[in-house]
Amino acid sequence: MKILVTVKQVPDTTGKVSVRPDGTLDRASMEAVTNPDDLNAVEAALQLKDQYGCKVITVTMGPMQAESMLRELLAMGVDETVLVSGREFGGSDTYATSQILAAAIDTIGLEPDDIILAGRQAIDGDTAQVGPQIAEKLGLPQVSYAAEIVKEDHTLLIKRMLEDGYMMVRIGTPCLITCVKELNEPRYMSVIGIEDCFDKEIRIMSYDDLKDHPLIDRTTIGLQGSPTNIYKSFTPPLRSAGRMLKGSPAEMAAELASCLADKHLI
């Protein structure tokens, strides 16, 4: 059994956000972090590895700068990493990205007892679409919003988190599961892991490595092949500091009413 985890390097939302004229993010000029939900998926894979001794492989698509993220995951305990990178893939939306990642996973190879884990969604897009689309394109069963994963023989018992409760689902392998942050607390990199991660090879998959796969079509990948059209992207303007009211409830209510009246809002 092996576990493949799809991960993404995303802009650090606490820092500067830079947008190109075509509406895409200028990721090279922004601080980057590992997508938070993806770290929960990595931790779930590592916990299964601790129990069953299986191999954990992370797969990401992005520029070569994503190598730093993959080194951190190796330091956490991941066994192998794959970076899918090429100019032909740049600007891909969720539809194109899922095709590319599905082709990469299929090229790596799926066996009957393998599992694919993914984060619920990425903080730069918040679509929660790529994981389910990968499952669809690989013809795999899927369970989303997993808050607990228990392996029982050749099946997995998944506790799905819903808005108003939970749903228990049993699923066979191979399958794809998307993970929520409530699933676990990601571990830190170990000292030994940090020392060893730079000695491990990162496998690079380029466009030439995947171009002959049935899922790869130049007309449906990259920015030009993505059906999603961005109407407008911009950096939100900075807001002025708020005003704190002091005094008793009656005094604060009177002052608030006075402020709103001065602005002709009431």
C-alpha atoms as a PDB file:
ATOM      1  CA  MET A   1       0.000   0.000   0.000  1.00  0.00           C
ATOM      2  CA  LYS A   2       1.146   3.524  -0.764  1.00  0.00           C
ATOM      3  CA  ILE A   3      -0.477   6.866  -0.093  1.00  0.00           C
ATOM      4  CA  LEU A   4      -0.249   9.734  -2.567  1.00  0.00           C
ATOM      5  CA  VAL A   5      -0.948  13.206  -1.219  1.00  0.00           C
ATOM      6  CA  THR A   6      -1.627  16.164  -3.499  1.00  0.00           C
ATOM      7  CA  VAL A   7      -0.208  19.384  -2.080  1.00  0.00           C
ATOM      8  CA  LYS A   8       0.000  22.985  -3.236  1.00  0.00           C
ATOM      9  CA  GLN A   9       2.277  25.892  -2.486  1.00  0.00           C
ATOM     10  CA  VAL A  10       0.069  28.954  -2.004  1.00  0.00           C
ATOM     11  CA  PRO A  11       0.679  32.660  -1.348  1.00  0.00           C
ATOM     12  CA  ASP A  12       0.984  33.594   2.312  1.00  0.00           C
ATOM     13  CA  THR A  13      -2.273  35.477   2.852  1.00  0.00           C
ATOM     14  CA  THR A  14      -0.734  37.422   5.741  1.00  0.00           C
ATOM     15  CA  GLY A  15       1.761  39.092   3.400  1.00  0.00           C
ATOM     16  CA  LYS A  16       1.810  41.058   0.152  1.00  0.00           C
ATOM     17  CA  VAL A  17      -0.536  39.995  -2.650  1.00  0.00           C
ATOM     18  CA  SER A  18       0.597  40.738  -6.215  1.00  0.00           C
ATOM     19  CA  VAL A  19      -1.697  40.437  -9.255  1.00  0.00           C
ATOM     20  CA  ARG A  20      -0.578  40.471 -12.910  1.00  0.00           C
ATOM     21  CA  PRO A  21      -2.486  42.443 -15.596  1.00  0.00           C
ATOM     22  CA  ASP A  22      -4.034  39.191 -16.904  1.00  0.00           C
ATOM     23  CA  GLY A  23      -5.644  38.574 -13.491  1.00  0.00           C
ATOM     24  CA  THR A  24      -3.344  35.748 -12.382  1.00  0.00           C
ATOM     25  CA  LEU A  25      -1.280  35.882  -9.195  1.00  0.00           C
ATOM     26  CA  ASP A  26       2.371  36.826  -9.521  1.00  0.00           C
ATOM     27  CA  ARG A  27       3.454  33.983  -7.255  1.00  0.00           C
ATOM     28  CA  ALA A  28       7.182  34.546  -7.774  1.00  0.00           C
ATOM     29  CA  SER A  29       6.994  37.937  -6.022  1.00  0.00           C
ATOM     30  CA  MET A  30       4.977  36.678  -3.037  1.00  0.00           C
ATOM     31  CA  GLU A  31       5.880  34.764   0.095  1.00  0.00           C
ATOM     32  CA  ALA A  32       4.686  31.166  -0.197  1.00  0.00           C
ATOM     33  CA  VAL A  33       3.549  28.529   2.291  1.00  0.00           C
ATOM     34  CA  THR A  34       2.172  25.008   2.120  1.00  0.00           C
ATOM     35  CA  ASN A  35      -1.610  25.060   1.827  1.00  0.00           C
ATOM     36  CA  PRO A  36      -2.924  24.475   5.381  1.00  0.00           C
ATOM     37  CA  ASP A  37      -5.524  21.806   4.535  1.00  0.00           C
ATOM     38  CA  ASP A  38      -2.884  19.911   2.571  1.00  0.00           C
ATOM     39  CA  LEU A  39      -0.758  19.668   5.709  1.00  0.00           C
ATOM     40  CA  ASN A  40      -3.657  17.883   7.405  1.00  0.00           C
ATOM     41  CA  ALA A  41      -3.751  15.436   4.486  1.00  0.00           C
ATOM     42  CA  VAL A  42       0.018  14.877   4.825  1.00  0.00           C
ATOM     43  CA  GLU A  43      -0.345  14.266   8.558  1.00  0.00           C
ATOM     44  CA  ALA A  44      -3.158  11.745   7.931  1.00  0.00           C
ATOM     45  CA  ALA A  45      -0.870   9.910   5.494  1.00  0.00           C
ATOM     46  CA  LEU A  46       2.018   9.918   7.965  1.00  0.00           C
ATOM     47  CA  GLN A  47      -0.210   8.548  10.724  1.00  0.00           C
ATOM     48  CA  LEU A  48      -1.228   5.671   8.445  1.00  0.00           C
ATOM     49  CA  LYS A  49       2.456   5.173   7.626  1.00  0.00           C
ATOM     50  CA  ASP A  50       3.237   4.993  11.360  1.00  0.00           C
ATOM     51  CA  GLN A  51       0.602   2.251  11.754  1.00  0.00           C
ATOM     52  CA  TYR A  52       1.112   0.199   8.605  1.00  0.00           C
ATOM     53  CA  GLY A  53       4.563   1.076   7.280  1.00  0.00           C
ATOM     54  CA  CYS A  54       3.273   2.214   3.889  1.00  0.00           C
ATOM     55  CA  LYS A  55       5.081   4.602   1.529  1.00  0.00           C
ATOM     56  CA  VAL A  56       3.943   8.253   1.393  1.00  0.00           C
ATOM     57  CA  ILE A  57       4.426  10.226  -1.833  1.00  0.00           C
ATOM     58  CA  THR A  58       3.495  13.891  -2.229  1.00  0.00           C
ATOM     59  CA  VAL A  59       2.611  15.306  -5.645  1.00  0.00           C
ATOM     60  CA  THR A  60       2.444  19.009  -6.476  1.00  0.00           C
ATOM     61  CA  MET A  61       2.169  21.144  -9.595  1.00  0.00           C
ATOM     62  CA  GLY A  62       3.948  24.465  -9.692  1.00  0.00           C
ATOM     63  CA  PRO A  63       7.165  26.337 -10.480  1.00  0.00           C
ATOM     64  CA  MET A  64      10.549  24.997  -9.474  1.00  0.00           C
ATOM     65  CA  GLN A  65      10.401  27.186  -6.343  1.00  0.00           C
ATOM     66  CA  ALA A  66       7.959  24.628  -4.920  1.00  0.00           C
ATOM     67  CA  GLU A  67      10.990  22.425  -4.236  1.00  0.00           C
ATOM     68  CA  SER A  68      11.442  24.206  -0.886  1.00  0.00           C
ATOM     69  CA  MET A  69       7.960  23.102   0.201  1.00  0.00           C
ATOM     70  CA  LEU A  70       8.680  19.527  -0.819  1.00  0.00           C
ATOM     71  CA  ARG A  71      11.909  19.542   1.213  1.00  0.00           C
ATOM     72  CA  GLU A  72       9.880  20.543   4.274  1.00  0.00           C
ATOM     73  CA  LEU A  73       7.471  17.658   3.677  1.00  0.00           C
ATOM     74  CA  LEU A  74      10.403  15.254   3.368  1.00  0.00           C
ATOM     75  CA  ALA A  75      11.628  16.573   6.715  1.00  0.00           C
ATOM     76  CA  MET A  76       8.218  15.770   8.210  1.00  0.00           C
ATOM     77  CA  GLY A  77       8.539  12.124   7.178  1.00  0.00           C
ATOM     78  CA  VAL A  78       7.324  11.893   3.574  1.00  0.00           C
ATOM     79  CA  ASP A  79       9.209   9.219   1.598  1.00  0.00           C
ATOM     80  CA  GLU A  80       9.131  10.599  -1.950  1.00  0.00           C
ATOM     81  CA  THR A  81       8.065  13.795  -3.677  1.00  0.00           C
ATOM     82  CA  VAL A  82       7.024  14.599  -7.250  1.00  0.00           C
ATOM     83  CA  LEU A  83       7.038  18.102  -8.743  1.00  0.00           C
ATOM     84  CA  VAL A  84       5.006  18.554 -11.927  1.00  0.00           C
ATOM     85  CA  SER A  85       6.422  21.671 -13.532  1.00  0.00           C
ATOM     86  CA  GLY A  86       6.438  23.248 -16.981  1.00  0.00           C
ATOM     87  CA  ARG A  87       5.561  26.506 -18.721  1.00  0.00           C
ATOM     88  CA  GLU A  88       2.800  24.663 -20.559  1.00  0.00           C
ATOM     89  CA  PHE A  89       1.018  24.110 -17.225  1.00  0.00           C
ATOM     90  CA  GLY A  90       1.182  27.738 -16.038  1.00  0.00           C
ATOM     91  CA  GLY A  91      -2.105  29.533 -15.352  1.00  0.00           C
ATOM     92  CA  SER A  92      -4.165  26.331 -15.237  1.00  0.00           C
ATOM     93  CA  ASP A  93      -7.539  26.568 -13.502  1.00  0.00           C
ATOM     94  CA  THR A  94      -9.010  23.733 -11.425  1.00  0.00           C
ATOM     95  CA  TYR A  95     -10.233  21.837 -14.493  1.00  0.00           C
ATOM     96  CA  ALA A  96      -6.807  21.880 -16.161  1.00  0.00           C
ATOM     97  CA  THR A  97      -4.915  21.333 -12.908  1.00  0.00           C
ATOM     98  CA  SER A  98      -6.926  18.229 -12.064  1.00  0.00           C
ATOM     99  CA  GLN A  99      -6.198  16.793 -15.531  1.00  0.00           C
ATOM    100  CA  ILE A 100      -2.479  17.351 -15.112  1.00  0.00           C
ATOM    101  CA  LEU A 101      -2.325  15.943 -11.573  1.00  0.00           C
ATOM    102  CA  ALA A 102      -4.487  12.962 -12.548  1.00  0.00           C
ATOM    103  CA  ALA A 103      -2.103  12.222 -15.421  1.00  0.00           C
ATOM    104  CA  ALA A 104       0.877  12.481 -13.066  1.00  0.00           C
ATOM    105  CA  ILE A 105      -0.714  10.156 -10.493  1.00  0.00           C
ATOM    106  CA  ASP A 106      -1.650   7.663 -13.202  1.00  0.00           C
ATOM    107  CA  THR A 107       1.942   7.791 -14.476  1.00  0.00           C
ATOM    108  CA  ILE A 108       3.262   7.077 -10.981  1.00  0.00           C
ATOM    109  CA  GLY A 109       0.812   4.176 -10.863  1.00  0.00           C
ATOM    110  CA  LEU A 110      -2.100   3.160  -8.645  1.00  0.00           C
ATOM    111  CA  GLU A 111      -2.388  -0.290  -7.079  1.00  0.00           C
ATOM    112  CA  PRO A 112      -5.555  -1.876  -5.637  1.00  0.00           C
ATOM    113  CA  ASP A 113      -4.820  -0.881  -2.019  1.00  0.00           C
ATOM    114  CA  ASP A 114      -3.523   2.650  -2.687  1.00  0.00           C
ATOM    115  CA  ILE A 115      -5.056   5.836  -1.260  1.00  0.00           C
ATOM    116  CA  ILE A 116      -4.985   9.412  -2.555  1.00  0.00           C
ATOM    117  CA  LEU A 117      -5.364  12.169   0.043  1.00  0.00           C
ATOM    118  CA  ALA A 118      -5.907  15.857  -0.612  1.00  0.00           C
ATOM    119  CA  GLY A 119      -6.709  18.942   1.407  1.00  0.00           C
ATOM    120  CA  ARG A 120     -10.303  20.117   1.364  1.00  0.00           C
ATOM    121  CA  GLN A 121      -9.427  23.285  -0.547  1.00  0.00           C
ATOM    122  CA  ALA A 122      -6.626  25.759  -1.221  1.00  0.00           C
ATOM    123  CA  ILE A 123      -6.650  29.164   0.449  1.00  0.00           C
ATOM    124  CA  ASP A 124      -5.793  30.973  -2.807  1.00  0.00           C
ATOM    125  CA  GLY A 125      -8.859  29.746  -4.677  1.00  0.00           C
ATOM    126  CA  ASP A 126     -11.211  28.209  -2.074  1.00  0.00           C
ATOM    127  CA  THR A 127     -12.955  26.102  -4.732  1.00  0.00           C
ATOM    128  CA  ALA A 128     -12.554  22.600  -3.217  1.00  0.00           C
ATOM    129  CA  GLN A 129     -12.739  21.271  -6.783  1.00  0.00           C
ATOM    130  CA  VAL A 130      -9.349  19.780  -7.655  1.00  0.00           C
ATOM    131  CA  GLY A 131      -9.517  16.723  -5.379  1.00  0.00           C
ATOM    132  CA  PRO A 132     -12.958  15.554  -6.554  1.00  0.00           C
ATOM    133  CA  GLN A 133     -12.044  16.296 -10.187  1.00  0.00           C
ATOM    134  CA  ILE A 134      -8.927  14.130  -9.913  1.00  0.00           C
ATOM    135  CA  ALA A 135     -11.083  11.266  -8.624  1.00  0.00           C
ATOM    136  CA  GLU A 136     -13.538  11.748 -11.482  1.00  0.00           C
ATOM    137  CA  LYS A 137     -10.811  11.727 -14.121  1.00  0.00           C
ATOM    138  CA  LEU A 138      -9.190   8.624 -12.658  1.00  0.00           C
ATOM    139  CA  GLY A 139     -12.544   6.861 -12.231  1.00  0.00           C
ATOM    140  CA  LEU A 140     -12.086   6.499  -8.471  1.00  0.00           C
ATOM    141  CA  PRO A 141     -14.613   6.587  -5.629  1.00  0.00           C
ATOM    142  CA  GLN A 142     -14.196   9.599  -3.373  1.00  0.00           C
ATOM    143  CA  VAL A 143     -15.169  10.900   0.047  1.00  0.00           C
ATOM    144  CA  SER A 144     -14.852  14.607   0.852  1.00  0.00           C
ATOM    145  CA  TYR A 145     -14.559  16.508   4.152  1.00  0.00           C
ATOM    146  CA  ALA A 146     -12.977  13.670   6.124  1.00  0.00           C
ATOM    147  CA  ALA A 147     -12.686  14.411   9.850  1.00  0.00           C
ATOM    148  CA  GLU A 148     -11.571  10.882  10.761  1.00  0.00           C
ATOM    149  CA  ILE A 149     -10.018   8.024   8.775  1.00  0.00           C
ATOM    150  CA  VAL A 150      -9.867   4.445  10.078  1.00  0.00           C
ATOM    151  CA  LYS A 151      -8.437   1.583   8.025  1.00  0.00           C
ATOM    152  CA  GLU A 152     -10.283  -1.715   8.438  1.00  0.00           C
ATOM    153  CA  ASP A 153      -8.907  -4.612   6.393  1.00  0.00           C
ATOM    154  CA  HIS A 154      -9.302  -3.599   2.735  1.00  0.00           C
ATOM    155  CA  THR A 155     -11.703  -0.715   3.379  1.00  0.00           C
ATOM    156  CA  LEU A 156     -11.621   2.704   5.023  1.00  0.00           C
ATOM    157  CA  LEU A 157     -14.232   4.015   7.443  1.00  0.00           C
ATOM    158  CA  ILE A 158     -14.525   7.787   6.955  1.00  0.00           C
ATOM    159  CA  LYS A 159     -16.253  10.244   9.273  1.00  0.00           C
ATOM    160  CA  ARG A 160     -17.470  13.057   7.015  1.00  0.00           C
ATOM    161  CA  MET A 161     -17.955  16.463   8.588  1.00  0.00           C
ATOM    162  CA  LEU A 162     -21.178  18.159   7.485  1.00  0.00           C
ATOM    163  CA  GLU A 163     -22.668  21.530   8.401  1.00  0.00           C
ATOM    164  CA  ASP A 164     -25.197  19.966  10.775  1.00  0.00           C
ATOM    165  CA  GLY A 165     -23.455  16.788  11.916  1.00  0.00           C
ATOM    166  CA  TYR A 166     -21.421  13.843  10.649  1.00  0.00           C
ATOM    167  CA  MET A 167     -21.853  11.025   8.139  1.00  0.00           C
ATOM    168  CA  MET A 168     -20.072   7.663   8.350  1.00  0.00           C
ATOM    169  CA  VAL A 169     -18.988   6.268   4.968  1.00  0.00           C
ATOM    170  CA  ARG A 170     -17.171   3.018   4.198  1.00  0.00           C
ATOM    171  CA  ILE A 171     -15.131   2.983   1.002  1.00  0.00           C
ATOM    172  CA  GLY A 172     -12.890   0.524  -0.789  1.00  0.00           C
ATOM    173  CA  THR A 173      -9.506   1.237  -2.331  1.00  0.00           C
ATOM    174  CA  PRO A 174      -8.110   2.683  -4.482  1.00  0.00           C
ATOM    175  CA  CYS A 175      -9.942   5.881  -3.567  1.00  0.00           C
ATOM    176  CA  LEU A 176      -9.523   9.608  -3.010  1.00  0.00           C
ATOM    177  CA  ILE A 177     -10.275  11.412   0.249  1.00  0.00           C
ATOM    178  CA  THR A 178     -10.236  15.152   0.934  1.00  0.00           C
ATOM    179  CA  CYS A 179      -9.331  16.209   4.474  1.00  0.00           C
ATOM    180  CA  VAL A 180     -10.494  19.042   6.723  1.00  0.00           C
ATOM    181  CA  LYS A 181      -8.410  20.803   9.356  1.00  0.00           C
ATOM    182  CA  GLU A 182     -10.379  19.132  12.165  1.00  0.00           C
ATOM    183  CA  LEU A 183      -8.874  15.774  11.133  1.00  0.00           C
ATOM    184  CA  ASN A 184      -5.583  16.251  12.999  1.00  0.00           C
ATOM    185  CA  GLU A 185      -2.751  18.556  14.055  1.00  0.00           C
ATOM    186  CA  PRO A 186       0.155  18.457  11.544  1.00  0.00           C
ATOM    187  CA  ARG A 187       3.485  17.453  13.058  1.00  0.00           C
ATOM    188  CA  TYR A 188       6.656  19.508  12.974  1.00  0.00           C
ATOM    189  CA  MET A 189       9.714  18.718  10.904  1.00  0.00           C
ATOM    190  CA  SER A 190      12.155  16.552  12.835  1.00  0.00           C
ATOM    191  CA  VAL A 191      15.808  17.486  13.324  1.00  0.00           C
ATOM    192  CA  ILE A 192      16.927  14.271  11.607  1.00  0.00           C
ATOM    193  CA  GLY A 193      14.396  14.882   8.858  1.00  0.00           C
ATOM    194  CA  ILE A 194      15.788  18.364   8.218  1.00  0.00           C
ATOM    195  CA  GLU A 195      19.313  16.957   8.018  1.00  0.00           C
ATOM    196  CA  ASP A 196      18.308  14.200   5.593  1.00  0.00           C
ATOM    197  CA  CYS A 197      15.802  16.009   3.348  1.00  0.00           C
ATOM    198  CA  PHE A 198      18.472  17.664   1.182  1.00  0.00           C
ATOM    199  CA  ASP A 199      19.997  14.299   0.332  1.00  0.00           C
ATOM    200  CA  LYS A 200      16.732  12.997  -1.128  1.00  0.00           C
ATOM    201  CA  GLU A 201      15.849  13.332  -4.790  1.00  0.00           C
ATOM    202  CA  ILE A 202      12.797  15.248  -5.936  1.00  0.00           C
ATOM    203  CA  ARG A 203      11.282  13.688  -9.037  1.00  0.00           C
ATOM    204  CA  ILE A 204      10.450  16.264 -11.723  1.00  0.00           C
ATOM    205  CA  MET A 205       7.694  15.611 -14.253  1.00  0.00           C
ATOM    206  CA  SER A 206       7.742  18.030 -17.182  1.00  0.00           C
ATOM    207  CA  TYR A 207       5.288  18.501 -20.018  1.00  0.00           C
ATOM    208  CA  ASP A 208       7.411  16.177 -22.168  1.00  0.00           C
ATOM    209  CA  ASP A 209       7.053  13.448 -19.520  1.00  0.00           C
ATOM    210  CA  LEU A 210       3.246  13.686 -19.572  1.00  0.00           C
ATOM    211  CA  LYS A 211       2.370  14.919 -23.076  1.00  0.00           C
ATOM    212  CA  ASP A 212       1.510  11.443 -24.381  1.00  0.00           C
ATOM    213  CA  HIS A 213      -0.906  10.665 -21.550  1.00  0.00           C
ATOM    214  CA  PRO A 214      -4.576  10.583 -22.700  1.00  0.00           C
ATOM    215  CA  LEU A 215      -5.532  13.266 -20.143  1.00  0.00           C
ATOM    216  CA  ILE A 216      -2.992  15.786 -21.456  1.00  0.00           C
ATOM    217  CA  ASP A 217      -4.306  17.982 -24.267  1.00  0.00           C
ATOM    218  CA  ARG A 218      -2.597  21.299 -25.066  1.00  0.00           C
ATOM    219  CA  THR A 219      -5.998  22.851 -25.781  1.00  0.00           C
ATOM    220  CA  THR A 220      -7.302  22.152 -22.257  1.00  0.00           C
ATOM    221  CA  ILE A 221      -4.280  22.917 -20.042  1.00  0.00           C
ATOM    222  CA  GLY A 222      -2.498  26.102 -19.087  1.00  0.00           C
ATOM    223  CA  LEU A 223      -4.023  29.573 -19.058  1.00  0.00           C
ATOM    224  CA  GLN A 224      -5.282  29.440 -22.641  1.00  0.00           C
ATOM    225  CA  GLY A 225      -6.872  26.026 -22.161  1.00  0.00           C
ATOM    226  CA  SER A 226      -8.651  26.823 -18.898  1.00  0.00           C
ATOM    227  CA  PRO A 227     -12.418  27.398 -19.168  1.00  0.00           C
ATOM    228  CA  THR A 228     -12.481  29.632 -16.079  1.00  0.00           C
ATOM    229  CA  ASN A 229     -12.276  33.319 -17.029  1.00  0.00           C
ATOM    230  CA  ILE A 230     -11.155  35.805 -14.379  1.00  0.00           C
ATOM    231  CA  TYR A 231     -13.217  38.978 -14.669  1.00  0.00           C
ATOM    232  CA  LYS A 232     -11.121  41.060 -12.303  1.00  0.00           C
ATOM    233  CA  SER A 233      -8.421  40.574  -9.668  1.00  0.00           C
ATOM    234  CA  PHE A 234      -7.061  43.266  -7.414  1.00  0.00           C
ATOM    235  CA  THR A 235      -5.328  43.866  -4.117  1.00  0.00           C
ATOM    236  CA  PRO A 236      -7.927  44.882  -1.502  1.00  0.00           C
ATOM    237  CA  PRO A 237      -7.439  48.478  -0.317  1.00  0.00           C
ATOM    238  CA  LEU A 238      -6.178  49.003   3.195  1.00  0.00           C
ATOM    239  CA  ARG A 239      -8.882  49.910   5.673  1.00  0.00           C
ATOM    240  CA  SER A 240      -8.460  52.641   8.240  1.00  0.00           C
ATOM    241  CA  ALA A 241      -8.310  51.696  11.886  1.00  0.00           C
ATOM    242  CA  GLY A 242     -11.650  51.336  13.626  1.00  0.00           C
ATOM    243  CA  ARG A 243     -12.862  53.617  16.403  1.00  0.00           C
ATOM    244  CA  MET A 244     -13.427  52.198  19.863  1.00  0.00           C
ATOM    245  CA  LEU A 245     -16.310  53.583  21.897  1.00  0.00           C
ATOM    246  CA  LYS A 246     -16.035  53.802  25.663  1.00  0.00           C
ATOM    247  CA  GLY A 247     -18.458  54.336  28.490  1.00  0.00           C
ATOM    248  CA  SER A 248     -21.679  52.713  29.637  1.00  0.00           C
ATOM    249  CA  PRO A 249     -23.925  50.900  27.121  1.00  0.00           C
ATOM    250  CA  ALA A 250     -26.252  53.899  27.012  1.00  0.00           C
ATOM    251  CA  GLU A 251     -23.389  56.327  26.453  1.00  0.00           C
ATOM    252  CA  MET A 252     -21.829  54.202  23.706  1.00  0.00           C
ATOM    253  CA  ALA A 253     -25.220  53.804  22.008  1.00  0.00           C
ATOM    254  CA  ALA A 254     -25.763  57.564  22.069  1.00  0.00           C
ATOM    255  CA  GLU A 255     -22.284  58.241  20.682  1.00  0.00           C
ATOM    256  CA  LEU A 256     -22.747  55.645  17.946  1.00  0.00           C
ATOM    257  CA  ALA A 257     -26.102  57.168  16.955  1.00  0.00           C
ATOM    258  CA  SER A 258     -24.472  60.592  16.847  1.00  0.00           C
ATOM    259  CA  CYS A 259     -21.654  59.339  14.591  1.00  0.00           C
ATOM    260  CA  LEU A 260     -24.087  57.665  12.185  1.00  0.00           C
ATOM    261  CA  ALA A 261     -26.248  60.809  12.092  1.00  0.00           C
ATOM    262  CA  ASP A 262     -23.190  62.963  11.307  1.00  0.00           C
ATOM    263  CA  LYS A 263     -22.483  60.700   8.308  1.00  0.00           C
ATOM    264  CA  HIS A 264     -26.156  60.896   7.266  1.00  0.00           C
ATOM    265  CA  LEU A 265     -26.487  57.126   7.610  1.00  0.00           C
ATOM    266  CA  ILE A 266     -29.510  57.432   9.907  1.00  0.00           C
END
